[in-house]
Protein backbone atom coordinates (compact mmCIF):
# COMPACT_ATOMS: atom_id res chain seq x y z
CA MET A 1 39.69 -19.76 -53.36
CA PRO A 2 41.30 -17.93 -56.27
CA SER A 3 40.79 -19.48 -59.69
CA LEU A 4 43.62 -21.78 -60.69
CA SER A 5 45.75 -21.12 -63.70
CA SER A 6 48.48 -23.03 -65.53
CA SER A 7 50.31 -19.71 -65.82
CA LEU A 8 50.41 -18.00 -62.44
CA ASN A 9 51.35 -14.39 -61.88
CA LEU A 10 51.35 -13.95 -58.13
CA GLY A 11 53.42 -10.78 -58.01
CA ASP A 12 55.65 -10.18 -54.98
CA VAL A 13 55.26 -12.74 -52.19
CA CYS A 14 56.37 -12.34 -48.59
CA ILE A 15 56.63 -15.31 -46.24
CA LEU A 16 56.43 -14.80 -42.50
CA ARG A 17 57.91 -17.72 -40.58
CA LEU A 18 60.42 -16.97 -37.86
CA SER A 19 61.09 -20.35 -36.27
CA ALA A 20 62.04 -23.09 -35.57
CA LEU A 21 64.91 -24.82 -37.39
CA GLY A 22 62.89 -27.88 -38.31
CA ASP A 23 59.91 -25.81 -39.42
CA VAL A 24 61.84 -23.42 -41.66
CA CYS A 25 63.60 -26.42 -43.16
CA ASN A 26 60.21 -27.98 -43.89
CA LEU A 27 58.99 -24.76 -45.48
CA VAL A 28 61.69 -24.69 -48.17
CA PRO A 29 59.80 -27.14 -50.46
CA ALA A 30 56.92 -24.62 -50.56
CA VAL A 31 59.38 -21.97 -51.75
CA ARG A 32 60.77 -24.33 -54.36
CA ALA A 33 57.26 -25.20 -55.55
CA LEU A 34 56.48 -21.50 -56.06
CA GLN A 35 59.74 -20.96 -57.94
CA LYS A 36 59.15 -23.99 -60.12
CA GLN A 37 55.64 -22.88 -61.04
CA GLN A 38 56.55 -19.24 -61.59
CA PRO A 39 60.23 -18.84 -62.50
CA GLY A 40 61.59 -15.47 -61.47
CA ILE A 41 59.00 -14.95 -58.75
CA LYS A 42 60.09 -12.40 -56.16
CA ILE A 43 60.04 -13.95 -52.67
CA THR A 44 60.87 -12.19 -49.42
CA TRP A 45 61.11 -14.17 -46.18
CA VAL A 46 60.91 -12.64 -42.70
CA ILE A 47 62.82 -15.12 -40.54
CA GLY A 48 64.52 -15.56 -37.16
CA ARG A 49 68.26 -15.07 -36.76
CA ALA A 50 69.29 -18.68 -36.02
CA GLU A 51 66.99 -19.96 -38.76
CA TYR A 52 68.54 -17.55 -41.25
CA ASN A 53 71.94 -19.07 -40.49
CA LEU A 54 70.60 -22.39 -41.79
CA LEU A 55 68.98 -21.03 -44.96
CA ALA A 56 71.25 -18.10 -45.88
CA GLY A 57 71.98 -17.99 -49.59
CA LEU A 58 68.77 -19.72 -50.63
CA GLU A 59 68.61 -18.58 -54.22
CA GLY A 60 65.70 -16.42 -55.26
CA VAL A 61 64.86 -15.40 -51.69
CA ASP A 62 65.46 -12.02 -50.08
CA PHE A 63 65.68 -12.51 -46.30
CA PHE A 64 64.82 -10.00 -43.57
CA ILE A 65 65.83 -11.04 -40.05
CA TYR A 66 63.63 -10.35 -37.06
CA ASP A 67 65.20 -10.98 -33.65
CA LYS A 68 62.49 -12.06 -31.22
CA LYS A 69 64.33 -10.34 -28.37
CA SER A 70 64.04 -6.98 -30.12
CA GLY A 71 60.29 -6.66 -29.45
CA LEU A 72 58.44 -3.62 -30.77
CA ALA A 73 61.67 -1.82 -31.67
CA GLY A 74 62.59 -4.69 -33.96
CA MET A 75 59.16 -4.61 -35.57
CA LEU A 76 59.47 -0.91 -36.29
CA ALA A 77 62.96 -1.48 -37.70
CA LEU A 78 61.63 -4.23 -39.96
CA ARG A 79 58.86 -1.98 -41.29
CA LYS A 80 61.40 0.75 -41.99
CA ALA A 81 63.78 -1.66 -43.77
CA LEU A 82 60.98 -3.05 -45.93
CA LYS A 83 59.75 0.45 -46.79
CA GLU A 84 63.23 1.56 -47.83
CA LYS A 85 63.95 -1.58 -49.84
CA ARG A 86 60.59 -1.52 -51.62
CA ALA A 87 60.08 2.24 -51.90
CA GLY A 88 56.89 1.94 -49.90
CA LYS A 89 55.29 -0.63 -52.23
CA PRO A 90 53.19 -3.28 -50.41
CA PHE A 91 53.59 -6.96 -51.15
CA ASP A 92 50.96 -8.53 -53.35
CA ILE A 93 50.74 -11.52 -50.99
CA LEU A 94 51.77 -12.18 -47.39
CA LEU A 95 51.85 -15.87 -46.46
CA HIS A 96 51.43 -15.76 -42.67
CA MET A 97 52.84 -19.21 -41.90
CA GLN A 98 53.36 -18.88 -38.14
CA ALA A 99 50.27 -19.05 -35.97
CA ALA A 100 51.63 -17.31 -32.89
CA LEU A 101 50.60 -13.99 -31.37
CA ARG A 102 54.03 -12.36 -31.67
CA SER A 103 54.20 -13.27 -35.36
CA SER A 104 50.67 -12.00 -35.94
CA ILE A 105 51.53 -8.65 -34.36
CA LEU A 106 54.69 -8.55 -36.48
CA SER A 107 52.58 -9.25 -39.59
CA ARG A 108 50.91 -5.84 -39.13
CA PHE A 109 54.27 -4.20 -39.77
CA ILE A 110 54.47 -5.91 -43.19
CA PRO A 111 52.34 -4.09 -45.80
CA ALA A 112 50.49 -6.49 -48.09
CA LYS A 113 47.33 -6.55 -50.21
CA ARG A 114 46.43 -10.19 -49.55
CA ARG A 115 47.17 -11.59 -46.09
CA ILE A 116 46.77 -15.35 -46.07
CA GLY A 117 46.75 -17.45 -42.90
CA PHE A 118 45.83 -20.90 -41.66
CA ASP A 119 42.31 -22.29 -41.55
CA ALA A 120 40.45 -21.96 -38.25
CA ALA A 121 41.65 -25.30 -36.85
CA ARG A 122 45.32 -24.44 -37.35
CA ALA A 123 45.12 -20.69 -36.67
CA LYS A 124 46.28 -20.50 -33.06
CA ASP A 125 46.34 -17.32 -30.97
CA ASN A 126 43.54 -15.70 -32.99
CA GLN A 127 45.58 -15.56 -36.17
CA GLY A 128 42.34 -15.13 -38.11
CA LEU A 129 42.07 -11.56 -36.82
CA PHE A 130 45.30 -10.63 -38.62
CA VAL A 131 44.56 -12.04 -42.11
CA ASN A 132 41.97 -11.49 -44.83
CA GLU A 133 42.14 -14.94 -46.41
CA ARG A 134 42.52 -18.46 -45.07
CA ILE A 135 43.74 -21.68 -46.63
CA PRO A 136 41.24 -24.57 -46.74
CA PRO A 137 41.08 -27.00 -43.81
CA ASN A 138 43.28 -30.08 -43.94
CA PRO A 139 42.41 -32.09 -40.81
CA ASN A 140 45.11 -34.12 -39.08
CA SER A 141 47.81 -32.93 -41.41
CA ARG A 142 51.53 -32.80 -40.78
CA VAL A 143 53.17 -29.42 -40.18
CA CYS A 144 55.39 -29.74 -43.26
CA HIS A 145 52.35 -30.48 -45.42
CA GLY A 146 50.60 -27.45 -43.95
CA PHE A 147 53.18 -25.17 -45.55
CA MET A 148 52.44 -26.75 -48.91
CA ASP A 149 48.73 -26.07 -48.36
CA PHE A 150 49.52 -22.35 -48.77
CA VAL A 151 51.05 -22.77 -52.22
CA TYR A 152 48.35 -25.20 -53.30
CA TYR A 153 45.81 -22.54 -52.33
CA LEU A 154 47.60 -20.14 -54.66
CA GLY A 155 47.17 -22.57 -57.55
CA VAL A 156 50.49 -24.43 -57.53
CA PRO A 157 49.99 -28.12 -58.38
CA GLU A 158 51.13 -30.87 -56.04
CA THR A 159 54.79 -31.69 -56.41
CA LYS A 160 57.56 -33.70 -54.77
CA PRO A 161 59.47 -31.79 -52.08
CA GLU A 162 62.76 -30.19 -53.09
CA TRP A 163 65.25 -28.34 -50.89
CA ASN A 164 68.68 -27.60 -52.38
CA ILE A 165 69.79 -25.61 -49.33
CA PRO A 166 73.18 -24.15 -50.26
CA VAL A 167 76.33 -24.71 -48.21
CA PRO A 168 79.28 -22.38 -48.89
CA GLU A 169 82.48 -24.10 -49.94
CA ALA A 170 84.29 -22.78 -46.86
CA GLU A 171 81.73 -24.45 -44.57
CA GLN A 172 81.98 -27.67 -46.54
CA GLU A 173 85.74 -27.67 -46.07
CA LYS A 174 85.43 -27.01 -42.33
CA ALA A 175 83.06 -29.93 -41.97
CA LYS A 176 85.23 -32.27 -44.01
CA GLN A 177 88.24 -31.42 -41.84
CA LEU A 178 86.27 -32.28 -38.71
CA ILE A 179 85.37 -35.75 -40.03
CA THR A 180 88.75 -36.50 -41.60
CA GLY A 181 89.95 -39.97 -40.68
CA ILE A 182 86.58 -41.33 -39.61
CA GLY A 183 85.00 -44.23 -41.45
CA LYS A 184 81.34 -44.65 -42.32
CA TYR A 185 79.31 -43.13 -39.54
CA LEU A 186 75.91 -42.37 -38.11
CA ILE A 187 74.98 -39.12 -36.40
CA ILE A 188 73.33 -38.81 -33.00
CA SER A 189 71.84 -35.48 -31.99
CA PRO A 190 70.47 -36.35 -28.55
CA CYS A 191 68.77 -33.11 -27.52
CA SER A 192 65.99 -30.91 -28.80
CA SER A 193 65.79 -27.24 -27.88
CA PHE A 194 64.49 -26.66 -24.35
CA ARG A 195 60.83 -25.78 -23.98
CA LYS A 196 59.05 -25.69 -20.66
CA ARG A 197 57.03 -28.84 -19.95
CA ASN A 198 57.80 -30.16 -23.41
CA TRP A 199 59.86 -33.29 -22.86
CA ARG A 200 61.20 -34.58 -26.17
CA ASN A 201 64.62 -36.01 -25.30
CA TRP A 202 65.32 -39.71 -24.92
CA GLU A 203 67.41 -39.68 -21.76
CA ASP A 204 68.25 -43.38 -21.81
CA PHE A 205 71.99 -42.77 -22.04
CA ALA A 206 72.77 -46.44 -21.55
CA GLY A 207 70.37 -47.10 -24.42
CA PHE A 208 72.27 -44.70 -26.66
CA GLY A 209 75.48 -46.49 -25.67
CA GLU A 210 73.95 -49.84 -26.57
CA VAL A 211 72.91 -48.52 -29.99
CA ILE A 212 76.36 -47.03 -30.65
CA ASP A 213 78.12 -50.30 -29.76
CA TYR A 214 75.66 -52.34 -31.82
CA ALA A 215 76.15 -50.12 -34.88
CA LYS A 216 79.91 -50.45 -34.58
CA HIS A 217 80.04 -54.20 -34.00
CA LYS A 218 77.30 -55.15 -36.47
CA TYR A 219 77.92 -52.73 -39.33
CA GLY A 220 81.27 -51.08 -38.61
CA LEU A 221 79.61 -47.69 -38.24
CA ASP A 222 81.31 -45.02 -36.18
CA THR A 223 79.23 -42.46 -34.30
CA VAL A 224 79.40 -38.68 -34.50
CA LEU A 225 77.71 -36.69 -31.74
CA VAL A 226 76.35 -33.26 -32.63
CA GLY A 227 74.55 -30.50 -30.76
CA GLY A 228 75.03 -27.19 -29.01
CA GLN A 229 76.77 -25.95 -25.91
CA SER A 230 73.93 -25.85 -23.39
CA ALA A 231 74.40 -27.53 -20.01
CA LEU A 232 71.68 -30.02 -20.94
CA GLU A 233 73.49 -31.04 -24.11
CA LYS A 234 76.90 -31.19 -22.47
CA ASN A 235 75.53 -33.51 -19.79
CA ALA A 236 73.80 -35.73 -22.35
CA ILE A 237 76.98 -36.12 -24.38
CA LYS A 238 79.02 -36.84 -21.24
CA GLN A 239 76.57 -39.53 -20.14
CA ILE A 240 76.36 -41.14 -23.57
CA MET A 241 80.14 -41.39 -23.82
CA LYS A 242 80.20 -42.98 -20.37
CA HIS A 243 77.91 -45.76 -21.55
CA THR A 244 79.64 -46.82 -24.75
CA LYS A 245 82.71 -48.96 -25.27
CA SER A 246 83.16 -47.63 -28.81
CA ALA A 247 85.11 -44.52 -29.69
CA VAL A 248 82.91 -41.63 -30.79
CA LEU A 249 83.63 -38.30 -32.45
CA ASP A 250 82.20 -35.43 -30.41
CA LEU A 251 81.40 -32.44 -32.61
CA THR A 252 79.02 -30.71 -30.22
CA GLY A 253 79.47 -26.96 -30.46
CA LYS A 254 82.00 -27.33 -33.27
CA THR A 255 79.80 -26.98 -36.35
CA SER A 256 77.76 -24.17 -37.78
CA LEU A 257 74.33 -25.13 -39.12
CA LYS A 258 75.72 -25.01 -42.66
CA ALA A 259 78.66 -27.24 -41.72
CA LEU A 260 76.25 -29.63 -40.00
CA LEU A 261 74.45 -30.08 -43.33
CA THR A 262 77.74 -31.29 -44.80
CA VAL A 263 78.33 -33.63 -41.85
CA ILE A 264 74.85 -35.04 -42.54
CA ASP A 265 75.64 -35.31 -46.26
CA ASN A 266 78.57 -37.59 -45.50
CA SER A 267 76.73 -39.74 -42.93
CA GLU A 268 74.75 -42.93 -43.34
CA LEU A 269 71.85 -41.93 -41.07
CA VAL A 270 70.75 -39.61 -38.29
CA ILE A 271 69.23 -40.45 -34.89
CA ALA A 272 67.46 -37.62 -33.07
CA PRO A 273 64.32 -36.69 -31.14
CA ASP A 274 61.62 -34.34 -32.44
CA SER A 275 64.08 -31.60 -33.43
CA GLY A 276 65.79 -29.82 -36.30
CA PRO A 277 68.32 -32.53 -37.29
CA VAL A 278 65.52 -35.01 -38.15
CA HIS A 279 64.18 -32.51 -40.68
CA MET A 280 67.63 -31.51 -41.87
CA ALA A 281 68.29 -35.19 -42.63
CA ALA A 282 65.15 -35.30 -44.79
CA ALA A 283 66.35 -32.19 -46.61
CA ARG A 284 69.63 -33.95 -47.41
CA ASN A 285 67.90 -37.22 -48.41
CA LYS A 286 69.37 -39.16 -45.50
CA PRO A 287 67.40 -41.71 -43.45
CA ALA A 288 66.58 -40.56 -39.94
CA ILE A 289 65.44 -42.50 -36.89
CA GLY A 290 63.12 -40.01 -35.23
CA LEU A 291 62.43 -40.63 -31.52
CA TYR A 292 58.80 -39.75 -30.74
CA ALA A 293 56.66 -40.35 -27.67
CA THR A 294 55.56 -37.01 -26.21
CA SER A 295 54.70 -35.54 -29.61
CA ASN A 296 52.70 -37.06 -32.45
CA PRO A 297 54.94 -37.76 -35.48
CA GLY A 298 51.78 -37.68 -37.56
CA ARG A 299 51.80 -33.94 -36.90
CA THR A 300 55.41 -32.92 -36.21
CA GLY A 301 57.30 -35.74 -37.92
CA PRO A 302 59.67 -35.36 -40.88
CA TRP A 303 58.66 -35.44 -44.54
CA PHE A 304 59.80 -39.07 -44.74
CA ASP A 305 58.74 -41.11 -41.71
CA THR A 306 59.70 -44.65 -42.70
CA TYR A 307 62.11 -44.99 -39.79
CA VAL A 308 60.31 -42.96 -37.14
CA ILE A 309 59.84 -44.66 -33.75
CA ASN A 310 56.30 -43.84 -32.69
CA ARG A 311 55.55 -44.46 -29.02
CA TYR A 312 53.05 -41.61 -28.95
CA PRO A 313 49.97 -43.91 -28.85
CA ASP A 314 51.49 -45.76 -25.88
CA ALA A 315 52.22 -42.46 -24.12
CA VAL A 316 48.68 -41.23 -24.67
CA ALA A 317 47.25 -44.45 -23.24
CA LYS A 318 49.58 -44.53 -20.23
CA TYR A 319 49.76 -40.87 -19.23
CA LEU A 320 46.62 -39.25 -20.65
CA LYS A 321 44.50 -42.36 -20.11
CA GLN A 322 42.36 -41.59 -23.13
CA PRO A 323 41.75 -43.32 -26.46
CA LEU A 324 44.05 -41.91 -29.14
CA GLU A 325 41.12 -41.01 -31.38
CA SER A 326 39.47 -38.93 -28.65
CA ILE A 327 42.25 -36.40 -28.07
CA GLU A 328 42.97 -33.18 -29.93
CA TRP A 329 45.18 -33.71 -33.00
CA GLY A 330 48.80 -33.21 -32.09
CA LYS A 331 48.19 -32.85 -28.33
CA ARG A 332 51.46 -33.26 -26.45
CA VAL A 333 51.98 -35.73 -23.63
CA ARG A 334 53.47 -33.53 -20.95
CA ASN A 335 55.09 -36.16 -18.77
CA PRO A 336 58.87 -36.36 -18.23
CA ASP A 337 58.78 -40.17 -18.20
CA ALA A 338 56.99 -40.64 -21.52
CA MET A 339 60.13 -40.82 -23.67
CA SER A 340 61.30 -43.79 -21.57
CA LEU A 341 58.71 -45.85 -23.46
CA ILE A 342 61.27 -45.96 -26.28
CA THR A 343 63.66 -48.89 -25.86
CA PRO A 344 67.14 -49.52 -27.26
CA GLN A 345 65.65 -52.43 -29.17
CA ASP A 346 63.23 -50.04 -30.90
CA VAL A 347 66.19 -48.05 -32.20
CA ILE A 348 68.17 -51.15 -33.15
CA GLU A 349 65.22 -52.53 -35.12
CA LYS A 350 65.03 -49.31 -37.15
CA LEU A 351 68.80 -49.36 -37.62
CA ASP A 352 68.58 -52.89 -38.97
CA LEU A 353 65.79 -51.81 -41.33
CA ILE A 354 67.90 -48.96 -42.66
CA ALA A 355 70.85 -51.33 -43.00
CA SER A 356 68.70 -53.69 -45.06
CA ASP A 357 67.28 -50.91 -47.22
CA GLN A 358 70.66 -49.25 -47.75
CA GLY A 359 72.64 -52.47 -48.20
CA PHE A 360 75.02 -52.08 -45.26
CA LYS A 361 77.53 -54.90 -45.02
CA GLU A 362 77.67 -56.78 -41.75
CA GLN A 363 81.04 -57.07 -40.05
CA PRO A 364 82.66 -60.49 -39.62
CA LYS A 365 82.21 -62.16 -36.26
CA GLY A 366 84.73 -60.98 -33.74
CA PHE A 367 85.01 -57.54 -35.32
CA ASN A 368 85.77 -54.85 -32.76
């Protein structure tokens, strides 16, 4: 490990992390920690297109977009763009923060003197073959903390996470127009991005309806539904609206990622599975009820997990039929029924806890 210094001079740093939304959101505190320790540090970030749309304008960061669909041609284009921008000068440090084969191949198109990757336990897809330094092991750590391990390795002291993701005024205004006329509200983002044999969505639509009605009758909270335009998401929203007696505001497909940050800013809380909006809520200092059963929130959970519903141990026992302590850290439960272990009462209990912590006023009896 390099010797630590109270006055770092790391030179030019390049971060390689393409995806996903939650992960790039969780990486921002590492960027902020570097900037805090070494004001004026030059940071370049090679990132995916959708993820860039969330973080665009992050001060002090020069972004280069790599489209995964572009393959080798995109890698060659990235190398050319970096060479032109930097007059052929290599980076002093490459932080290879994505342990995936495609990203490792892409890393070879980024010239750098020091190429730092994960320790052996976290370096998937033979990442170790593409780096010349590794961060120290940190067993059973959370993904978001793993990003901080890189900057700690460079000599940055431990610090509280900071985000300050900018939202252009025009996007703020768009979001505010969408929520005009609605009272205090919670956000439900019912669907994670689709991944084969990776079931993360709570498909108890009647349960969602029960939670929505409870929030309205008990605390006077309206509900805003957010998400994309996929068939899966459209069906989920349709089913949820079928199972609630309360009026809801459907904003699916109507907000950019930047506008969604503003919608979160004006909300009381967020409810979502293991997906980007849980981490975006943390970045905006909003409580989030994370719905976890097929994935271990100890590994993939948000920075702040006070209100996470963790049915992962139950899923491991029921579907893997192994003791929790005997399985690989972060192993997924690949069973489509596992998320059904979460009950509406689980969500309501967390909602009540948030209400108590945040001082929500209960509605008078008979309120509708």
